Each structure stands twice: as C-alpha cells, then as structure tokens.
C-alpha cells in the first residue's frame, strides 16, 4: 500500500511539474496560433502570389509584389503620412501621459474624478470618439465656434491638407493618453517615498527630485510606453477611415488604410499582403532602434 501511495504521489508530482503547465497554457497557445501565427504565415505566403479574393485561381509571382511596392508612389506617400502621424503622436502621448500621471498622483481634492475623466477616452469606442471629433472639427462645430469668440475665422479642419493630419494627431493623442497615464501612475506608485524624503533633507528642489529620482526610475516605463505607442501609431486605421477616408488628396492616407483599400476595394490581396510584410519589417526595425538606443538610458535599479 505504501508503495502504491508513493507511486501515485510521484505520478502526481510529475503531472504538476511537467504536464500541468502545458495544460494551462495550451488553450491560450492554440488561440494565438489560430488567430495570429497561422494567419501571419499565410499572409507571407500570399505576398508572393497574385491572389485576388474573387478568383479561386492564383499564381506564384515571386518578388513581383515587393517590386511593385517599391515603385508605388502611393505606398511611399502612405508611409510618409504614417511616420508623420507617429512623429506627432508619440511625443505627445508620452509627455502628456507623464504630466497627467504626475498630476493625479498628487494629493489634490477631487483627484479620483480627474483620473476617471482622463481615462474616459480609453473605454470610449473609437467609432463613437471619431463621431464626436467629427462634430468638434466640423465647419460649424465646437472648435470653430470657440475660435470665433476670439475673432478667428472658421476652418475646414479635416478638408484642408495643412490641418487634416494635425487634427487626426490630436485625436490620436486624446485616445492614447488614458492608458499610458495609468501605466505611468502605477510606476509612480512603485517609487519608494524614502527617496524623496532623503532628497528633501539634502535640500533638493522639486525639479531636482523629478530630474534625478522620478525620471530615472520611470525610464523602464518610458521605454515600454514609447515602444507600444510606436507600434500603435504605425497601425492606425479606424480614426483615418471614419474621419478623413485618407483625404484630402491622400494627405492622411496612412499605410494600414492603403493596405485595406488594396485588399478589400481593389481586391489585390497578394499586393496588400506584401505591404503588410513591409509594415511588419518597419515595425520590427523601429522597435529594435527604440530598444537599442533608448534602452541605454534605462535605469532598472529600485
């Protein structure tokens, strides 16, 4: 009997040690394979074909789609617009998220109310938010109404090439600030107060405490925020699709919007897949650059 119990005990130990982890991660891993990894592999394969959704027959065309991509002026226009959107969104989100996190981390009256207000864009569906901003940017909308009170003439914000992209960037910052503010706030809560108490006893000013204590200890969080916001900016689509449809004159046509147009409007799925692969490579390159250069200044000490 004792030997039998020992055998069952050893079997139970082996199950917990070697089998149970795979049982728990199995469903998530299978879901990831079905919705991410396998479709990605299929997409890479289709990028080497002339596949069209309406035609069951397609042929292997090698690098023809990639050559076409490099010679496509609209592809480069879309990439330029994507980088323009990212260059405005990334610093805006990082700086504003940090500032708001510092404000809501302070001991102010009604701080819970402000935390809720700042987080509201995160739980607002993008379609609803886009409609709200369409009303704000409308020729007879809120923004022009406020500006006219100060004697500034009305502007077609989303129909003018000079203002369409900045208008979308402002909305993108508004949408992303809430999530990253919470991330920064959690990081701020993790900084020991003893550091600030010791610095105060040494005569450090609030600015010196922020520069030499807060910023260095927030550097891992900043690196994470920069990388995730960069990836989100490169994949922007819904805001563009609802607010501008890539216009005016392709001034807001970002790469994901152009890929969608080629895939589901022009039905050039193979070419769209090639551009998707190109976007993936660009995203990986920028992520590596952020990790390589911004990571040098990351302080992991606690």
Protein backbone atom coordinates (compact mmCIF):
# COMPACT_ATOMS: atom_id res chain seq x y z
CA UNK A 1 0.00 0.00 0.00
CA UNK A 2 2.79 2.35 0.90
CA UNK A 3 4.49 1.63 -2.41
CA UNK A 4 1.20 2.31 -4.20
CA UNK A 5 0.78 5.64 -2.43
CA UNK A 6 4.36 6.53 -3.28
CA UNK A 7 3.77 5.75 -6.93
CA UNK A 8 0.63 7.88 -7.05
CA UNK A 9 2.48 10.65 -5.24
CA UNK A 10 5.33 10.54 -7.74
CA UNK A 11 2.88 10.49 -10.65
CA UNK A 12 1.05 13.50 -9.20
CA UNK A 13 4.34 15.32 -8.77
CA UNK A 14 5.34 14.59 -12.37
CA UNK A 15 1.96 15.84 -13.57
CA UNK A 16 2.25 19.09 -11.61
CA UNK A 17 5.89 19.55 -12.62
CA UNK A 18 5.80 18.67 -16.31
CA UNK A 19 2.24 18.36 -17.61
CA UNK A 20 0.08 20.87 -15.71
CA UNK A 21 1.86 23.97 -17.10
CA UNK A 22 1.17 22.84 -20.66
CA UNK A 23 -2.47 22.12 -19.81
CA UNK A 24 -2.88 25.69 -18.57
CA UNK A 25 -1.05 27.43 -21.42
CA UNK A 26 -2.43 25.10 -24.09
CA UNK A 27 -5.74 26.91 -24.80
CA UNK A 28 -4.07 30.31 -24.99
CA UNK A 29 -1.30 28.96 -27.19
CA UNK A 30 -3.78 27.31 -29.58
CA UNK A 31 -5.81 30.53 -29.75
CA UNK A 32 -2.65 32.51 -30.54
CA UNK A 33 -1.71 30.03 -33.26
CA UNK A 34 -5.16 30.21 -34.87
CA UNK A 35 -5.68 33.97 -34.84
CA UNK A 36 -2.12 35.31 -35.12
CA UNK A 37 0.68 32.97 -36.10
CA UNK A 38 -1.02 30.86 -38.77
CA UNK A 39 -2.71 33.87 -40.48
CA UNK A 40 0.67 35.64 -40.46
CA UNK A 41 2.33 32.69 -42.21
CA UNK A 42 -0.50 32.57 -44.75
CA UNK A 43 -0.11 36.32 -45.31
CA UNK A 44 3.61 35.96 -46.01
CA UNK A 45 2.86 33.18 -48.50
CA UNK A 46 0.16 35.25 -50.25
CA UNK A 47 2.62 38.14 -50.62
CA UNK A 48 4.44 36.02 -53.21
CA UNK A 49 1.27 35.40 -55.24
CA UNK A 50 -1.23 37.38 -57.32
CA UNK A 51 -4.12 36.19 -55.15
CA UNK A 52 -7.44 38.00 -55.59
CA UNK A 53 -10.41 37.30 -53.35
CA UNK A 54 -12.90 36.96 -56.21
CA UNK A 55 -10.77 34.46 -58.13
CA UNK A 56 -10.00 30.98 -56.76
CA UNK A 57 -7.00 30.68 -59.08
CA UNK A 58 -3.75 32.44 -58.38
CA UNK A 59 -0.13 32.00 -59.33
CA UNK A 60 3.22 32.36 -57.63
CA UNK A 61 4.79 35.64 -58.76
CA UNK A 62 7.93 35.69 -56.62
CA UNK A 63 9.07 39.19 -55.64
CA UNK A 64 6.83 40.99 -58.14
CA UNK A 65 4.57 42.40 -55.42
CA UNK A 66 7.58 43.74 -53.50
CA UNK A 67 8.98 45.33 -56.66
CA UNK A 68 5.60 46.90 -57.32
CA UNK A 69 5.52 48.18 -53.75
CA UNK A 70 8.87 49.91 -54.12
CA UNK A 71 7.71 51.61 -57.35
CA UNK A 72 4.30 52.62 -55.99
CA UNK A 73 4.21 56.37 -55.21
CA UNK A 74 1.05 55.99 -53.11
CA UNK A 75 2.83 53.41 -50.94
CA UNK A 76 5.58 55.90 -50.16
CA UNK A 77 3.03 58.66 -49.60
CA UNK A 78 1.22 56.42 -47.13
CA UNK A 79 4.46 55.55 -45.36
CA UNK A 80 5.37 59.22 -45.15
CA UNK A 81 1.96 60.03 -43.68
CA UNK A 82 2.32 57.16 -41.21
CA UNK A 83 5.66 58.46 -39.97
CA UNK A 84 4.23 61.98 -39.81
CA UNK A 85 1.36 60.71 -37.68
CA UNK A 86 3.75 58.74 -35.46
CA UNK A 87 6.16 61.68 -35.07
CA UNK A 88 3.31 63.81 -33.73
CA UNK A 89 1.55 61.16 -31.67
CA UNK A 90 4.47 59.50 -29.87
CA UNK A 91 5.99 62.55 -28.09
CA UNK A 92 2.52 63.98 -27.43
CA UNK A 93 1.30 60.79 -25.77
CA UNK A 94 4.48 60.20 -23.75
CA UNK A 95 4.77 63.75 -22.43
CA UNK A 96 1.07 64.32 -21.75
CA UNK A 97 0.65 60.89 -20.13
CA UNK A 98 3.54 61.59 -17.76
CA UNK A 99 2.27 65.07 -16.90
CA UNK A 100 -1.25 63.81 -16.17
CA UNK A 101 0.12 60.90 -14.13
CA UNK A 102 2.11 63.34 -12.01
CA UNK A 103 -0.99 65.48 -11.51
CA UNK A 104 -3.32 62.65 -10.49
CA UNK A 105 -0.59 61.19 -8.27
CA UNK A 106 -0.54 64.37 -6.20
CA UNK A 107 -2.73 64.93 -3.16
CA UNK A 108 -5.34 67.17 -4.75
CA UNK A 109 -9.03 67.35 -3.94
CA UNK A 110 -11.19 65.51 -6.45
CA UNK A 111 -8.24 63.59 -7.90
CA UNK A 112 -10.39 60.46 -8.35
CA UNK A 113 -12.76 62.46 -10.54
CA UNK A 114 -9.89 63.64 -12.75
CA UNK A 115 -8.49 60.11 -13.03
CA UNK A 116 -11.87 58.98 -14.30
CA UNK A 117 -12.15 61.84 -16.78
CA UNK A 118 -8.68 61.26 -18.18
CA UNK A 119 -9.40 57.55 -18.59
CA UNK A 120 -12.76 58.01 -20.33
CA UNK A 121 -11.31 58.00 -23.89
CA UNK A 122 -9.92 54.51 -23.29
CA UNK A 123 -13.37 53.00 -22.67
CA UNK A 124 -14.99 55.03 -25.46
CA UNK A 125 -15.38 53.04 -28.71
CA UNK A 126 -13.25 54.50 -31.49
CA UNK A 127 -16.29 54.85 -33.74
CA UNK A 128 -18.07 56.95 -31.11
CA UNK A 129 -14.96 59.01 -30.42
CA UNK A 130 -14.47 59.65 -34.15
CA UNK A 131 -18.04 60.90 -34.50
CA UNK A 132 -17.52 63.25 -31.55
CA UNK A 133 -14.34 64.63 -33.08
CA UNK A 134 -16.05 64.99 -36.44
CA UNK A 135 -18.53 67.28 -34.73
CA UNK A 136 -15.71 69.18 -32.99
CA UNK A 137 -13.85 69.71 -36.28
CA UNK A 138 -16.95 70.46 -38.35
CA UNK A 139 -17.09 73.85 -40.05
CA UNK A 140 -19.97 74.75 -37.71
CA UNK A 141 -18.67 72.64 -34.87
CA UNK A 142 -17.35 73.29 -31.40
CA UNK A 143 -13.75 74.22 -32.26
CA UNK A 144 -14.66 76.86 -34.83
CA UNK A 145 -17.35 78.17 -32.50
CA UNK A 146 -14.82 78.72 -29.73
CA UNK A 147 -12.24 80.26 -32.08
CA UNK A 148 -14.80 82.69 -33.49
CA UNK A 149 -15.30 84.04 -29.97
CA UNK A 150 -11.70 85.25 -30.20
CA UNK A 151 -12.09 86.64 -33.69
CA UNK A 152 -10.51 83.69 -35.52
CA UNK A 153 -12.18 82.65 -38.76
CA UNK A 154 -13.67 79.20 -39.26
CA UNK A 155 -11.55 76.46 -40.87
CA UNK A 156 -12.38 73.21 -42.64
CA UNK A 157 -10.08 71.25 -40.35
CA UNK A 158 -10.49 67.83 -41.97
CA UNK A 159 -10.89 69.10 -45.56
CA UNK A 160 -7.67 71.13 -45.71
CA UNK A 161 -4.35 69.42 -46.41
CA UNK A 162 -2.48 71.66 -43.95
CA UNK A 163 -4.75 70.87 -41.00
CA UNK A 164 -6.15 67.37 -41.66
CA UNK A 165 -3.19 65.38 -40.33
CA UNK A 166 -2.60 67.61 -37.24
CA UNK A 167 -6.30 67.26 -36.45
CA UNK A 168 -6.10 63.47 -36.59
CA UNK A 169 -2.92 63.53 -34.49
CA UNK A 170 -4.68 65.49 -31.75
CA UNK A 171 -7.45 62.88 -31.68
CA UNK A 172 -4.88 60.06 -31.61
CA UNK A 173 -3.15 61.63 -28.61
CA UNK A 174 -6.51 62.04 -26.84
CA UNK A 175 -7.32 58.37 -27.39
CA UNK A 176 -3.98 57.00 -26.17
CA UNK A 177 -3.23 59.23 -23.20
CA UNK A 178 -5.55 57.49 -20.72
CA UNK A 179 -4.00 54.04 -20.93
CA UNK A 180 -0.43 55.30 -20.71
CA UNK A 181 -1.33 57.67 -17.87
CA UNK A 182 -2.44 54.63 -15.84
CA UNK A 183 0.82 52.85 -16.70
CA UNK A 184 2.86 55.84 -15.55
CA UNK A 185 0.70 56.21 -12.44
CA UNK A 186 1.35 52.58 -11.46
CA UNK A 187 5.08 53.16 -11.93
CA UNK A 188 4.97 56.31 -9.80
CA UNK A 189 3.24 54.40 -7.01
CA UNK A 190 6.15 51.94 -7.07
CA UNK A 191 8.82 54.57 -6.32
CA UNK A 192 9.68 54.48 -2.58
CA UNK A 193 8.85 57.73 -0.83
CA UNK A 194 12.04 57.43 1.20
CA UNK A 195 13.98 58.58 -1.86
CA UNK A 196 12.10 61.87 -1.91
CA UNK A 197 12.36 62.29 1.86
CA UNK A 198 16.12 61.81 1.73
CA UNK A 199 16.42 64.22 -1.19
CA UNK A 200 14.34 66.84 0.66
CA UNK A 201 16.58 66.55 3.70
CA UNK A 202 19.56 67.18 1.42
CA UNK A 203 17.91 70.35 0.10
CA UNK A 204 16.84 69.09 -3.35
CA UNK A 205 14.18 71.18 -5.06
CA UNK A 206 11.05 69.56 -6.55
CA UNK A 207 12.53 69.92 -10.04
CA UNK A 208 15.78 68.23 -8.93
CA UNK A 209 13.78 65.41 -7.34
CA UNK A 210 11.86 64.95 -10.58
CA UNK A 211 15.00 65.04 -12.73
CA UNK A 212 17.26 62.83 -10.64
CA UNK A 213 14.77 60.48 -8.97
CA UNK A 214 11.47 60.30 -10.85
CA UNK A 215 12.70 60.33 -14.43
CA UNK A 216 15.47 57.73 -13.98
CA UNK A 217 13.18 55.35 -12.09
CA UNK A 218 10.47 55.81 -14.71
CA UNK A 219 12.85 55.06 -17.59
CA UNK A 220 11.78 51.37 -17.97
CA UNK A 221 8.16 52.50 -18.10
CA UNK A 222 9.01 55.21 -20.61
CA UNK A 223 10.76 52.68 -22.85
CA UNK A 224 7.70 50.42 -22.70
CA UNK A 225 5.33 53.31 -23.45
CA UNK A 226 7.44 54.53 -26.39
CA UNK A 227 7.57 51.07 -27.95
CA UNK A 228 3.84 50.34 -27.54
CA UNK A 229 2.76 53.81 -28.70
CA UNK A 230 5.06 53.50 -31.73
CA UNK A 231 3.51 50.17 -32.67
CA UNK A 232 0.02 51.60 -32.23
CA UNK A 233 0.82 54.68 -34.31
CA UNK A 234 2.13 52.58 -37.19
CA UNK A 235 -1.11 50.55 -37.19
CA UNK A 236 -3.57 53.45 -37.04
CA UNK A 237 -6.61 52.82 -39.23
CA UNK A 238 -10.06 53.32 -37.68
CA UNK A 239 -9.61 57.03 -36.98
CA UNK A 240 -8.49 57.68 -40.56
CA UNK A 241 -11.22 55.53 -42.08
CA UNK A 242 -14.02 57.25 -40.18
CA UNK A 243 -12.78 60.84 -40.16
CA UNK A 244 -10.98 61.50 -43.46
CA UNK A 245 -11.01 58.38 -45.66
CA UNK A 246 -7.38 59.18 -46.42
CA UNK A 247 -8.12 62.63 -47.75
CA UNK A 248 -7.90 65.34 -48.66
CA UNK A 249 -5.66 64.49 -51.62
CA UNK A 250 -4.17 61.47 -49.78
CA UNK A 251 -2.75 63.75 -47.09
CA UNK A 252 -3.96 61.40 -44.32
CA UNK A 253 -3.71 58.09 -46.19
CA UNK A 254 -1.64 56.00 -43.78
CA UNK A 255 -0.18 52.63 -44.67
CA UNK A 256 -2.80 50.42 -42.98
CA UNK A 257 -5.60 52.37 -44.66
CA UNK A 258 -3.84 51.92 -48.02
CA UNK A 259 -3.36 48.20 -47.36
CA UNK A 260 -7.05 47.84 -46.55
CA UNK A 261 -8.03 49.71 -49.71
CA UNK A 262 -5.85 47.48 -51.88
CA UNK A 263 -7.06 44.30 -50.19
CA UNK A 264 -10.82 44.89 -49.99
CA UNK A 265 -11.57 47.65 -52.50
CA UNK A 266 -9.14 46.79 -55.30
CA UNK A 267 -9.14 43.09 -54.25
CA UNK A 268 -5.35 42.89 -54.70
CA UNK A 269 -4.83 40.63 -51.70
CA UNK A 270 -1.34 39.49 -52.73
CA UNK A 271 -0.09 43.06 -53.08
CA UNK A 272 -1.73 44.06 -49.80
CA UNK A 273 -0.03 41.11 -48.10
CA UNK A 274 3.35 42.27 -49.44
CA UNK A 275 2.79 45.74 -47.99
CA UNK A 276 1.77 44.14 -44.69
CA UNK A 277 5.06 42.27 -44.60
CA UNK A 278 6.84 45.54 -45.32
CA UNK A 279 5.00 47.24 -42.45
CA UNK A 280 5.93 44.37 -40.14
CA UNK A 281 9.62 44.76 -41.01
CA UNK A 282 9.47 48.52 -40.46
CA UNK A 283 7.76 48.00 -37.09
CA UNK A 284 10.38 45.47 -36.02
CA UNK A 285 13.18 47.79 -37.11
CA UNK A 286 11.78 50.75 -35.17
CA UNK A 287 11.20 48.56 -32.12
CA UNK A 288 14.83 47.42 -32.26
CA UNK A 289 16.03 51.01 -32.64
CA UNK A 290 13.97 52.11 -29.63
CA UNK A 291 15.24 49.18 -27.57
CA UNK A 292 18.83 49.64 -28.71
CA UNK A 293 19.20 53.39 -28.20
CA UNK A 294 16.55 54.32 -25.62
CA UNK A 295 17.42 51.21 -23.65
CA UNK A 296 20.89 52.60 -22.92
CA UNK A 297 19.43 55.17 -20.55
CA UNK A 298 17.09 52.78 -18.76
CA UNK A 299 17.70 52.58 -15.02
CA UNK A 300 16.48 49.29 -13.56
CA UNK A 301 17.56 49.97 -10.02
CA UNK A 302 14.85 50.21 -7.37
